[in-house]
Amino acid sequence: MAITAIWGPPCSGKTTLATDLAFAISKRGRSVCLVSPEPYSEMSAILNIRITNAQSIQAAQHLVGNLKQTVCQADGLLFVLAAASDADAFESEITGNDARSILTSADAAFDSVLVDCPPRADNTMAAWGLNLAQSVLLLTGFRNSAGFWHRAYSRAIQSFSDKALPICVQGNDGMDYRSLNRMIELVPRVWVPYYPAADNVRQMRRTLYDSGGKVGKTYNAAIDEICAAMKEG
């Protein structure tokens, strides 16, 4: 099974990390499907793609046949399965059976599946992603409020502790990350460095991965290290 769930506090870098990991995996010649279950997906904005009703999670619920018919090709071997760009935020949520079926089908159709899980625990697709995942990239966060989130979801985190890979994505240069990690009692497997010019780079090339310069090379090395850890898991 090659499903990886990415979970953590709000604004902890989940979607950015998921996108960059997807590019890294696809550049290795492996097909990868990014799954984003929330309407108005930040992932779609980062990749500058529009998810149509015909190529969306909603369509996948009613699909008879190959799941690849309902995914959006974002780049080469990189595909996205997300809520339609004009989806109603109040539409009925995907059922547990549908969520499990979609993820199982994605696992069969692609070399790797990355599930960008919303921070709340009541999203069915995220819950099944965490359940079916071979490994869970658990982000520590880069705000003091992350400590409250980890405390609130400590029971859920404990349930998959055997497959969790703690990751510290450094979102600014003013945070004492080591103190935060001690407070939430997590030792990061990989430290992803702060990328000061991230927004400017994304406007030009969508992904921070494979960018140049000293900061880019350090960032690339961290993403490569996570890919290796996912394969080990």
Protein backbone atom coordinates (compact mmCIF):
# COMPACT_ATOMS: atom_id res chain seq x y z
CA MET A 1 0.00 0.00 0.00
CA ALA A 2 1.40 3.42 -0.98
CA ILE A 3 -1.04 5.78 0.73
CA THR A 4 0.49 8.57 2.82
CA ALA A 5 -1.65 10.87 4.97
CA ILE A 6 -0.42 14.35 5.88
CA TRP A 7 -1.98 15.76 9.05
CA GLY A 8 -1.29 18.48 11.58
CA PRO A 9 -2.47 21.75 13.13
CA PRO A 10 -4.06 24.54 11.06
CA CYS A 11 -1.53 26.53 9.03
CA SER A 12 1.28 24.05 9.67
CA GLY A 13 2.35 23.69 6.02
CA LYS A 14 0.42 20.52 5.13
CA THR A 15 -0.70 21.52 1.64
CA THR A 16 2.63 23.08 0.68
CA LEU A 17 4.45 19.95 1.84
CA ALA A 18 1.97 17.64 0.07
CA THR A 19 2.42 19.53 -3.20
CA ASP A 20 6.21 19.56 -3.05
CA LEU A 21 6.31 15.86 -2.13
CA ALA A 22 4.06 15.09 -5.09
CA PHE A 23 6.42 16.90 -7.46
CA ALA A 24 9.40 15.09 -5.92
CA ILE A 25 7.74 11.69 -6.35
CA SER A 26 6.63 12.39 -9.93
CA LYS A 27 10.16 13.51 -10.87
CA ARG A 28 11.30 10.04 -9.82
CA GLY A 29 9.14 8.56 -12.59
CA ARG A 30 6.28 7.44 -10.32
CA SER A 31 2.64 8.42 -10.76
CA VAL A 32 1.20 10.23 -7.77
CA CYS A 33 -2.35 11.27 -6.87
CA LEU A 34 -2.87 14.21 -4.53
CA VAL A 35 -6.18 13.94 -2.65
CA SER A 36 -7.68 17.12 -1.19
CA PRO A 37 -11.15 16.55 0.30
CA GLU A 38 -12.06 20.14 1.22
CA PRO A 39 -13.99 22.57 -1.01
CA TYR A 40 -12.06 25.65 -2.16
CA SER A 41 -8.87 23.61 -2.05
CA GLU A 42 -5.68 25.57 -1.43
CA MET A 43 -3.95 22.85 -3.41
CA SER A 44 -5.85 23.79 -6.57
CA ALA A 45 -4.77 27.40 -6.12
CA ILE A 46 -1.11 26.47 -5.62
CA LEU A 47 -1.12 24.28 -8.73
CA ASN A 48 -3.16 26.85 -10.68
CA ILE A 49 -5.71 24.30 -11.88
CA ARG A 50 -9.48 24.31 -12.02
CA ILE A 51 -11.22 21.16 -10.80
CA THR A 52 -14.31 20.48 -12.91
CA ASN A 53 -17.34 18.50 -11.74
CA ALA A 54 -16.39 15.71 -14.16
CA GLN A 55 -12.91 15.39 -12.62
CA SER A 56 -13.59 15.65 -8.91
CA ILE A 57 -14.14 13.69 -5.73
CA GLN A 58 -17.89 14.11 -6.24
CA ALA A 59 -17.66 12.40 -9.63
CA ALA A 60 -15.48 9.65 -8.17
CA GLN A 61 -18.31 8.70 -5.80
CA HIS A 62 -20.46 7.62 -8.73
CA LEU A 63 -17.73 6.24 -10.96
CA VAL A 64 -17.99 2.84 -12.56
CA GLY A 65 -14.59 2.06 -14.05
CA ASN A 66 -11.05 3.42 -13.81
CA LEU A 67 -10.54 6.19 -11.24
CA LYS A 68 -8.16 7.94 -13.63
CA GLN A 69 -11.24 9.18 -15.51
CA THR A 70 -12.09 11.51 -12.63
CA VAL A 71 -8.69 12.96 -11.71
CA CYS A 72 -7.15 16.19 -13.00
CA GLN A 73 -3.68 15.97 -14.50
CA ALA A 74 -1.63 18.78 -12.98
CA ASP A 75 1.81 17.98 -14.35
CA GLY A 76 3.28 14.93 -16.08
CA LEU A 77 2.77 12.07 -13.64
CA LEU A 78 1.12 14.30 -11.02
CA PHE A 79 -2.66 14.06 -10.68
CA VAL A 80 -5.15 15.71 -8.33
CA LEU A 81 -8.41 14.40 -6.91
CA ALA A 82 -10.18 17.24 -5.15
CA ALA A 83 -13.56 18.85 -4.65
CA ALA A 84 -14.86 20.70 -7.71
CA SER A 85 -13.82 24.34 -7.88
CA ASP A 86 -17.46 25.44 -7.67
CA ALA A 87 -18.49 22.84 -5.07
CA ASP A 88 -21.00 23.89 -2.44
CA ALA A 89 -19.34 23.84 0.99
CA PHE A 90 -22.64 22.60 2.44
CA GLU A 91 -23.05 19.64 0.11
CA SER A 92 -23.44 16.27 1.81
CA GLU A 93 -20.10 14.80 2.82
CA ILE A 94 -18.69 11.66 1.26
CA THR A 95 -19.81 8.53 3.09
CA GLY A 96 -17.36 6.23 4.79
CA ASN A 97 -17.90 3.49 2.21
CA ASP A 98 -17.30 5.91 -0.67
CA ALA A 99 -14.19 7.38 0.97
CA ARG A 100 -12.68 3.96 1.51
CA SER A 101 -13.55 2.86 -2.04
CA ILE A 102 -12.05 6.00 -3.60
CA LEU A 103 -8.79 5.70 -1.69
CA THR A 104 -8.51 1.98 -2.38
CA SER A 105 -9.09 2.62 -6.09
CA ALA A 106 -6.50 5.43 -6.08
CA ASP A 107 -4.02 3.10 -4.41
CA ALA A 108 -4.54 0.59 -7.22
CA ALA A 109 -4.35 3.17 -10.02
CA PHE A 110 -1.29 5.19 -8.92
CA ASP A 111 2.16 4.42 -7.58
CA SER A 112 1.65 6.80 -4.68
CA VAL A 113 -1.33 8.52 -3.04
CA LEU A 114 -0.97 11.59 -0.80
CA VAL A 115 -3.98 12.65 1.29
CA ASP A 116 -3.89 16.28 2.44
CA CYS A 117 -5.99 15.88 5.61
CA PRO A 118 -7.88 18.87 7.06
CA PRO A 119 -6.86 19.62 10.66
CA ARG A 120 -10.26 18.69 12.08
CA ALA A 121 -11.00 15.05 12.79
CA ASP A 122 -14.57 14.86 11.46
CA ASN A 123 -13.71 14.73 7.74
CA THR A 124 -14.56 11.25 6.45
CA MET A 125 -11.99 11.19 3.64
CA ALA A 126 -9.26 12.33 6.03
CA ALA A 127 -10.30 9.75 8.63
CA TRP A 128 -10.03 6.94 6.07
CA GLY A 129 -6.78 8.37 4.75
CA LEU A 130 -5.28 8.18 8.23
CA ASN A 131 -6.70 4.69 8.68
CA LEU A 132 -5.48 3.24 5.37
CA ALA A 133 -2.15 5.05 5.20
CA GLN A 134 1.12 3.17 5.23
CA SER A 135 2.67 6.22 6.88
CA VAL A 136 1.32 9.45 8.41
CA LEU A 137 3.38 12.61 8.13
CA LEU A 138 2.47 14.33 11.41
CA LEU A 139 3.37 18.01 11.27
CA THR A 140 4.39 19.67 14.52
CA GLY A 141 3.24 23.16 13.47
CA PHE A 142 4.90 26.56 13.64
CA ARG A 143 2.58 28.52 15.93
CA ASN A 144 2.20 28.33 19.70
CA SER A 145 -1.43 27.30 19.18
CA ALA A 146 -0.15 24.04 17.68
CA GLY A 147 0.38 22.79 21.21
CA PHE A 148 -3.36 23.03 21.93
CA TRP A 149 -4.17 21.14 18.72
CA HIS A 150 -1.79 18.29 19.56
CA ARG A 151 -3.26 18.07 23.05
CA ALA A 152 -6.84 18.02 21.70
CA TYR A 153 -6.08 15.23 19.23
CA SER A 154 -3.64 13.26 21.39
CA ARG A 155 -5.88 10.17 21.43
CA ALA A 156 -6.21 10.13 17.63
CA ILE A 157 -2.46 10.67 17.23
CA GLN A 158 -1.73 7.83 19.63
CA SER A 159 -3.90 5.47 17.55
CA PHE A 160 -1.46 5.65 14.61
CA SER A 161 1.75 6.32 16.52
CA ASP A 162 3.33 3.18 15.05
CA LYS A 163 3.25 4.65 11.53
CA ALA A 164 3.67 8.36 12.32
CA LEU A 165 6.62 10.30 10.90
CA PRO A 166 6.88 13.61 12.83
CA ILE A 167 7.88 16.44 10.51
CA CYS A 168 8.78 20.00 11.51
CA VAL A 169 8.04 22.43 8.68
CA GLN A 170 9.59 25.75 9.68
CA GLY A 171 7.19 28.45 8.49
CA ASN A 172 9.06 31.46 9.84
CA ASP A 173 12.43 32.33 11.34
CA GLY A 174 11.18 33.67 14.67
CA MET A 175 9.74 30.51 16.25
CA ASP A 176 11.47 28.40 18.90
CA TYR A 177 10.67 25.07 17.25
CA ARG A 178 12.67 22.96 19.65
CA SER A 179 10.71 24.26 22.63
CA LEU A 180 7.42 23.62 20.81
CA ASN A 181 8.47 20.08 19.94
CA ARG A 182 9.46 19.40 23.55
CA MET A 183 6.08 20.71 24.71
CA ILE A 184 4.13 18.40 22.38
CA GLU A 185 6.59 15.56 23.05
CA LEU A 186 7.49 14.89 19.43
CA VAL A 187 10.95 14.44 17.99
CA PRO A 188 10.87 15.41 14.28
CA ARG A 189 12.20 12.80 11.88
CA VAL A 190 12.88 15.55 9.34
CA TRP A 191 13.30 19.33 9.74
CA VAL A 192 12.08 21.22 6.66
CA PRO A 193 13.90 24.59 6.59
CA TYR A 194 12.22 27.97 6.38
CA TYR A 195 12.07 29.21 2.78
CA PRO A 196 12.01 33.05 2.94
CA ALA A 197 11.14 33.63 -0.74
CA ALA A 198 8.58 30.83 -0.99
CA ASP A 199 5.70 32.97 -2.31
CA ASN A 200 7.84 34.50 -5.07
CA VAL A 201 9.16 31.11 -6.16
CA ARG A 202 5.66 29.61 -6.29
CA GLN A 203 4.41 32.41 -8.55
CA MET A 204 6.99 31.34 -11.10
CA ARG A 205 7.12 27.55 -10.83
CA ARG A 206 4.35 26.21 -8.50
CA THR A 207 6.73 24.05 -6.48
CA LEU A 208 9.60 24.87 -4.15
CA TYR A 209 11.09 21.47 -4.82
CA ASP A 210 14.01 21.30 -7.25
CA SER A 211 14.67 25.03 -6.94
CA GLY A 212 18.23 26.32 -6.90
CA GLY A 213 20.39 28.35 -4.56
CA LYS A 214 21.64 27.49 -1.11
CA VAL A 215 18.19 27.61 0.50
CA GLY A 216 16.66 25.62 -2.36
CA LYS A 217 19.24 22.86 -2.10
CA THR A 218 18.71 22.55 1.66
CA TYR A 219 14.97 22.44 1.12
CA ASN A 220 15.30 19.81 -1.63
CA ALA A 221 17.41 17.64 0.66
CA ALA A 222 14.70 17.74 3.35
CA ILE A 223 11.99 16.73 0.84
CA ASP A 224 14.20 13.91 -0.45
CA GLU A 225 14.72 12.74 3.14
CA ILE A 226 10.94 12.61 3.70
CA CYS A 227 10.49 10.61 0.48
CA ALA A 228 13.06 8.11 1.73
CA ALA A 229 11.34 7.89 5.12
CA MET A 230 7.95 7.30 3.43
CA LYS A 231 9.45 4.45 1.41
CA GLU A 232 10.91 2.89 4.56
CA GLY A 233 7.57 3.18 6.33
